[in-house]
PDB file of N, CA and C in Angstrom:
ATOM      1  N   MET A   1     -30.039 -21.140  -7.027  1.00  0.00           N
ATOM      2  CA  MET A   1     -29.235 -19.875  -7.059  1.00  0.00           C
ATOM      3  C   MET A   1     -28.158 -19.653  -5.875  1.00  0.00           C
ATOM      4  N   PRO A   2     -27.079 -19.488  -5.922  1.00  0.00           N
ATOM      5  CA  PRO A   2     -26.218 -19.043  -4.931  1.00  0.00           C
ATOM      6  C   PRO A   2     -26.617 -17.976  -4.145  1.00  0.00           C
ATOM      7  N   ILE A   3     -26.371 -17.865  -2.887  1.00  0.00           N
ATOM      8  CA  ILE A   3     -26.956 -16.747  -2.169  1.00  0.00           C
ATOM      9  C   ILE A   3     -26.368 -15.536  -2.629  1.00  0.00           C
ATOM     10  N   GLU A   4     -24.733 -15.444  -3.127  1.00  0.00           N
ATOM     11  CA  GLU A   4     -24.118 -14.401  -3.589  1.00  0.00           C
ATOM     12  C   GLU A   4     -25.086 -13.839  -4.639  1.00  0.00           C
ATOM     13  N   ASP A   5     -25.572 -14.713  -5.565  1.00  0.00           N
ATOM     14  CA  ASP A   5     -26.184 -14.243  -6.629  1.00  0.00           C
ATOM     15  C   ASP A   5     -27.714 -13.565  -6.411  1.00  0.00           C
ATOM     16  N   GLU A   6     -28.281 -14.330  -5.151  1.00  0.00           N
ATOM     17  CA  GLU A   6     -29.534 -13.578  -4.916  1.00  0.00           C
ATOM     18  C   GLU A   6     -29.297 -12.421  -4.308  1.00  0.00           C
ATOM     19  N   GLY A   7     -28.286 -12.200  -3.435  1.00  0.00           N
ATOM     20  CA  GLY A   7     -28.020 -10.629  -2.836  1.00  0.00           C
ATOM     21  C   GLY A   7     -27.659  -9.793  -3.833  1.00  0.00           C
ATOM     22  N   GLN A   8     -26.877 -10.285  -4.966  1.00  0.00           N
ATOM     23  CA  GLN A   8     -26.419  -9.391  -5.933  1.00  0.00           C
ATOM     24  C   GLN A   8     -27.727  -8.801  -6.793  1.00  0.00           C
ATOM     25  N   ASN A   9     -28.654  -9.846  -6.944  1.00  0.00           N
ATOM     26  CA  ASN A   9     -29.686  -9.607  -7.976  1.00  0.00           C
ATOM     27  C   ASN A   9     -30.686  -8.544  -7.088  1.00  0.00           C
ATOM     28  N   LYS A  10     -30.798  -8.777  -5.811  1.00  0.00           N
ATOM     29  CA  LYS A  10     -31.556  -7.544  -4.896  1.00  0.00           C
ATOM     30  C   LYS A  10     -30.907  -6.617  -4.872  1.00  0.00           C
ATOM     31  N   ILE A  11     -29.626  -6.102  -4.742  1.00  0.00           N
ATOM     32  CA  ILE A  11     -28.977  -5.012  -4.718  1.00  0.00           C
ATOM     33  C   ILE A  11     -29.094  -4.227  -6.129  1.00  0.00           C
ATOM     34  N   ASN A  12     -29.040  -5.173  -7.104  1.00  0.00           N
ATOM     35  CA  ASN A  12     -29.078  -4.371  -8.423  1.00  0.00           C
ATOM     36  C   ASN A  12     -30.481  -3.750  -8.713  1.00  0.00           C
ATOM     37  N   LYS A  13     -31.670  -4.753  -8.259  1.00  0.00           N
ATOM     38  CA  LYS A  13     -32.950  -4.270  -8.341  1.00  0.00           C
ATOM     39  C   LYS A  13     -33.146  -2.875  -7.504  1.00  0.00           C
ATOM     40  N   LEU A  14     -32.685  -2.778  -6.358  1.00  0.00           N
ATOM     41  CA  LEU A  14     -32.775  -1.772  -5.427  1.00  0.00           C
ATOM     42  C   LEU A  14     -32.161  -0.583  -6.171  1.00  0.00           C
ATOM     43  N   THR A  15     -30.903  -0.591  -6.630  1.00  0.00           N
ATOM     44  CA  THR A  15     -30.329   0.136  -7.396  1.00  0.00           C
ATOM     45  C   THR A  15     -30.862   0.785  -8.606  1.00  0.00           C
ATOM     46  N   GLU A  16     -31.702   0.111  -9.072  1.00  0.00           N
ATOM     47  CA  GLU A  16     -32.604   0.426 -10.256  1.00  0.00           C
ATOM     48  C   GLU A  16     -33.655   1.231  -9.888  1.00  0.00           C
ATOM     49  N   LYS A  17     -34.264   0.677  -8.654  1.00  0.00           N
ATOM     50  CA  LYS A  17     -35.479   1.322  -8.118  1.00  0.00           C
ATOM     51  C   LYS A  17     -34.852   2.895  -7.670  1.00  0.00           C
ATOM     52  N   LEU A  18     -33.905   2.998  -7.134  1.00  0.00           N
ATOM     53  CA  LEU A  18     -33.409   4.162  -6.629  1.00  0.00           C
ATOM     54  C   LEU A  18     -33.274   5.194  -8.049  1.00  0.00           C
ATOM     55  N   SER A  19     -32.651   4.596  -8.905  1.00  0.00           N
ATOM     56  CA  SER A  19     -32.429   5.759 -10.125  1.00  0.00           C
ATOM     57  C   SER A  19     -33.704   6.014 -10.659  1.00  0.00           C
ATOM     58  N   THR A  20     -34.775   5.150 -10.815  1.00  0.00           N
ATOM     59  CA  THR A  20     -36.100   5.660 -11.399  1.00  0.00           C
ATOM     60  C   THR A  20     -36.804   6.461 -10.396  1.00  0.00           C
ATOM     61  N   GLU A  21     -36.907   5.909  -9.151  1.00  0.00           N
ATOM     62  CA  GLU A  21     -37.799   6.602  -8.037  1.00  0.00           C
ATOM     63  C   GLU A  21     -37.297   7.811  -7.181  1.00  0.00           C
ATOM     64  N   GLY A  22     -35.817   7.898  -7.313  1.00  0.00           N
ATOM     65  CA  GLY A  22     -35.232   8.696  -6.383  1.00  0.00           C
ATOM     66  C   GLY A  22     -35.300   8.248  -4.940  1.00  0.00           C
ATOM     67  N   ILE A  23     -34.589   9.167  -4.112  1.00  0.00           N
ATOM     68  CA  ILE A  23     -34.475   8.759  -2.654  1.00  0.00           C
ATOM     69  C   ILE A  23     -35.920   9.521  -2.081  1.00  0.00           C
ATOM     70  N   ASN A  24     -36.603   8.498  -1.243  1.00  0.00           N
ATOM     71  CA  ASN A  24     -37.545   9.182  -0.331  1.00  0.00           C
ATOM     72  C   ASN A  24     -37.720   8.075   0.748  1.00  0.00           C
ATOM     73  N   SER A  25     -38.627   8.427   1.571  1.00  0.00           N
ATOM     74  CA  SER A  25     -38.834   7.615   2.937  1.00  0.00           C
ATOM     75  C   SER A  25     -38.952   6.189   2.595  1.00  0.00           C
ATOM     76  N   THR A  26     -40.013   6.004   1.513  1.00  0.00           N
ATOM     77  CA  THR A  26     -40.560   4.595   1.075  1.00  0.00           C
ATOM     78  C   THR A  26     -39.330   3.879   0.411  1.00  0.00           C
ATOM     79  N   THR A  27     -38.562   4.400  -0.175  1.00  0.00           N
ATOM     80  CA  THR A  27     -37.376   3.763  -0.866  1.00  0.00           C
ATOM     81  C   THR A  27     -36.221   3.350   0.089  1.00  0.00           C
ATOM     82  N   ILE A  28     -36.025   4.429   1.030  1.00  0.00           N
ATOM     83  CA  ILE A  28     -35.135   4.021   2.150  1.00  0.00           C
ATOM     84  C   ILE A  28     -35.552   2.637   2.919  1.00  0.00           C
ATOM     85  N   LYS A  29     -36.759   2.908   3.301  1.00  0.00           N
ATOM     86  CA  LYS A  29     -37.334   1.756   4.194  1.00  0.00           C
ATOM     87  C   LYS A  29     -37.399   0.559   3.438  1.00  0.00           C
ATOM     88  N   GLN A  30     -37.623   0.442   2.279  1.00  0.00           N
ATOM     89  CA  GLN A  30     -37.335  -0.614   1.321  1.00  0.00           C
ATOM     90  C   GLN A  30     -35.807  -1.207   1.115  1.00  0.00           C
ATOM     91  N   ILE A  31     -34.993  -0.303   0.917  1.00  0.00           N
ATOM     92  CA  ILE A  31     -33.767  -0.752   0.826  1.00  0.00           C
ATOM     93  C   ILE A  31     -33.280  -1.229   2.205  1.00  0.00           C
ATOM     94  N   ASP A  32     -33.627  -0.693   3.354  1.00  0.00           N
ATOM     95  CA  ASP A  32     -33.202  -0.996   4.775  1.00  0.00           C
ATOM     96  C   ASP A  32     -33.848  -2.402   4.905  1.00  0.00           C
ATOM     97  N   THR A  33     -35.041  -2.618   4.798  1.00  0.00           N
ATOM     98  CA  THR A  33     -35.623  -4.240   4.792  1.00  0.00           C
ATOM     99  C   THR A  33     -34.770  -5.205   4.097  1.00  0.00           C
ATOM    100  N   GLU A  34     -34.687  -4.736   2.430  1.00  0.00           N
ATOM    101  CA  GLU A  34     -33.864  -5.922   1.715  1.00  0.00           C
ATOM    102  C   GLU A  34     -32.489  -6.036   2.235  1.00  0.00           C
ATOM    103  N   MET A  35     -31.764  -5.080   2.683  1.00  0.00           N
ATOM    104  CA  MET A  35     -30.369  -5.294   2.887  1.00  0.00           C
ATOM    105  C   MET A  35     -30.273  -6.026   4.109  1.00  0.00           C
ATOM    106  N   GLN A  36     -31.539  -5.891   5.221  1.00  0.00           N
ATOM    107  CA  GLN A  36     -31.358  -6.687   6.481  1.00  0.00           C
ATOM    108  C   GLN A  36     -31.685  -8.163   5.898  1.00  0.00           C
ATOM    109  N   THR A  37     -32.226  -8.420   5.003  1.00  0.00           N
ATOM    110  CA  THR A  37     -32.635  -9.702   4.593  1.00  0.00           C
ATOM    111  C   THR A  37     -31.486 -10.320   3.954  1.00  0.00           C
ATOM    112  N   ILE A  38     -30.845  -9.486   3.370  1.00  0.00           N
ATOM    113  CA  ILE A  38     -29.591 -10.156   2.571  1.00  0.00           C
ATOM    114  C   ILE A  38     -28.491 -10.472   3.584  1.00  0.00           C
ATOM    115  N   LEU A  39     -28.171  -9.436   4.499  1.00  0.00           N
ATOM    116  CA  LEU A  39     -27.271 -10.014   5.538  1.00  0.00           C
ATOM    117  C   LEU A  39     -27.631 -10.972   6.306  1.00  0.00           C
ATOM    118  N   SER A  40     -29.082 -11.096   6.890  1.00  0.00           N
ATOM    119  CA  SER A  40     -29.420 -12.011   7.747  1.00  0.00           C
ATOM    120  C   SER A  40     -29.277 -13.597   6.837  1.00  0.00           C
ATOM    121  N   ALA A  41     -29.481 -13.543   5.710  1.00  0.00           N
ATOM    122  CA  ALA A  41     -29.321 -14.748   4.804  1.00  0.00           C
ATOM    123  C   ALA A  41     -27.814 -15.203   4.649  1.00  0.00           C
ATOM    124  N   GLY A  42     -27.010 -14.024   4.624  1.00  0.00           N
ATOM    125  CA  GLY A  42     -25.500 -14.470   4.552  1.00  0.00           C
ATOM    126  C   GLY A  42     -24.930 -14.972   5.808  1.00  0.00           C
ATOM    127  N   LYS A  43     -25.573 -14.614   6.963  1.00  0.00           N
ATOM    128  CA  LYS A  43     -25.139 -14.913   8.124  1.00  0.00           C
ATOM    129  C   LYS A  43     -25.526 -16.406   8.435  1.00  0.00           C
ATOM    130  N   ILE A  44     -26.666 -16.678   7.975  1.00  0.00           N
ATOM    131  CA  ILE A  44     -26.989 -17.931   8.222  1.00  0.00           C
ATOM    132  C   ILE A  44     -26.276 -18.874   7.315  1.00  0.00           C
ATOM    133  N   TRP A  45     -26.099 -18.591   6.154  1.00  0.00           N
ATOM    134  CA  TRP A  45     -25.352 -19.436   5.231  1.00  0.00           C
ATOM    135  C   TRP A  45     -23.978 -19.698   5.766  1.00  0.00           C
ATOM    136  N   ALA A  46     -23.281 -18.355   6.326  1.00  0.00           N
ATOM    137  CA  ALA A  46     -21.983 -18.635   6.827  1.00  0.00           C
ATOM    138  C   ALA A  46     -21.726 -19.356   7.885  1.00  0.00           C
ATOM    139  N   SER A  47     -23.059 -19.423   9.012  1.00  0.00           N
ATOM    140  CA  SER A  47     -22.997 -20.085  10.051  1.00  0.00           C
ATOM    141  C   SER A  47     -23.113 -21.766   9.819  1.00  0.00           C
ATOM    142  N   LYS A  48     -23.686 -22.051   8.667  1.00  0.00           N
ATOM    143  CA  LYS A  48     -23.749 -23.396   8.420  1.00  0.00           C
ATOM    144  C   LYS A  48     -22.612 -23.730   7.562  1.00  0.00           C
ATOM    145  N   HIS A  49     -21.903 -22.884   7.212  1.00  0.00           N
ATOM    146  CA  HIS A  49     -20.627 -23.442   6.678  1.00  0.00           C
ATOM    147  C   HIS A  49     -19.433 -23.049   7.544  1.00  0.00           C
ATOM    148  N   LYS A  50     -19.634 -22.777   8.654  1.00  0.00           N
ATOM    149  CA  LYS A  50     -18.617 -22.780   9.787  1.00  0.00           C
ATOM    150  C   LYS A  50     -17.682 -21.391   9.619  1.00  0.00           C
ATOM    151  N   PHE A  51     -18.279 -20.393   8.980  1.00  0.00           N
ATOM    152  CA  PHE A  51     -17.563 -19.084   9.047  1.00  0.00           C
ATOM    153  C   PHE A  51     -18.059 -18.292  10.597  1.00  0.00           C
ATOM    154  N   HIS A  52     -16.820 -17.990  11.055  1.00  0.00           N
ATOM    155  CA  HIS A  52     -17.250 -17.511  12.702  1.00  0.00           C
ATOM    156  C   HIS A  52     -16.809 -16.103  12.451  1.00  0.00           C
ATOM    157  N   ARG A  53     -16.256 -15.532  11.764  1.00  0.00           N
ATOM    158  CA  ARG A  53     -15.793 -14.102  11.911  1.00  0.00           C
ATOM    159  C   ARG A  53     -16.477 -13.321  10.819  1.00  0.00           C
ATOM    160  N   LEU A  54     -17.961 -13.293  11.107  1.00  0.00           N
ATOM    161  CA  LEU A  54     -18.814 -12.586  10.164  1.00  0.00           C
ATOM    162  C   LEU A  54     -18.500 -11.108  10.019  1.00  0.00           C
ATOM    163  N   ASP A  55     -17.817 -10.587  10.944  1.00  0.00           N
ATOM    164  CA  ASP A  55     -17.531  -9.063  11.079  1.00  0.00           C
ATOM    165  C   ASP A  55     -16.414  -8.852   9.825  1.00  0.00           C
ATOM    166  N   THR A  56     -15.729  -9.787   9.539  1.00  0.00           N
ATOM    167  CA  THR A  56     -14.648  -9.749   8.585  1.00  0.00           C
ATOM    168  C   THR A  56     -15.276 -10.134   7.241  1.00  0.00           C
ATOM    169  N   ILE A  57     -16.444 -10.698   7.005  1.00  0.00           N
ATOM    170  CA  ILE A  57     -17.251 -10.960   5.600  1.00  0.00           C
ATOM    171  C   ILE A  57     -18.131  -9.891   5.506  1.00  0.00           C
ATOM    172  N   PHE A  58     -18.976  -9.334   6.471  1.00  0.00           N
ATOM    173  CA  PHE A  58     -20.025  -8.391   6.081  1.00  0.00           C
ATOM    174  C   PHE A  58     -19.732  -7.062   6.807  1.00  0.00           C
TER     175      PHE A  58
END
């Protein structure tokens, strides 16, 4: 699965979690952790594919 699809799937799951559980400290921490994972994976992918201006991508 392409990294874009994985990231979008995680975002969709987090959005669903927020809509069912609401915003609280646990969901905020989980979202923060997942977003850091998504961004890190994207930066690793970008570095392997010679994207050097990550600030314009993320």
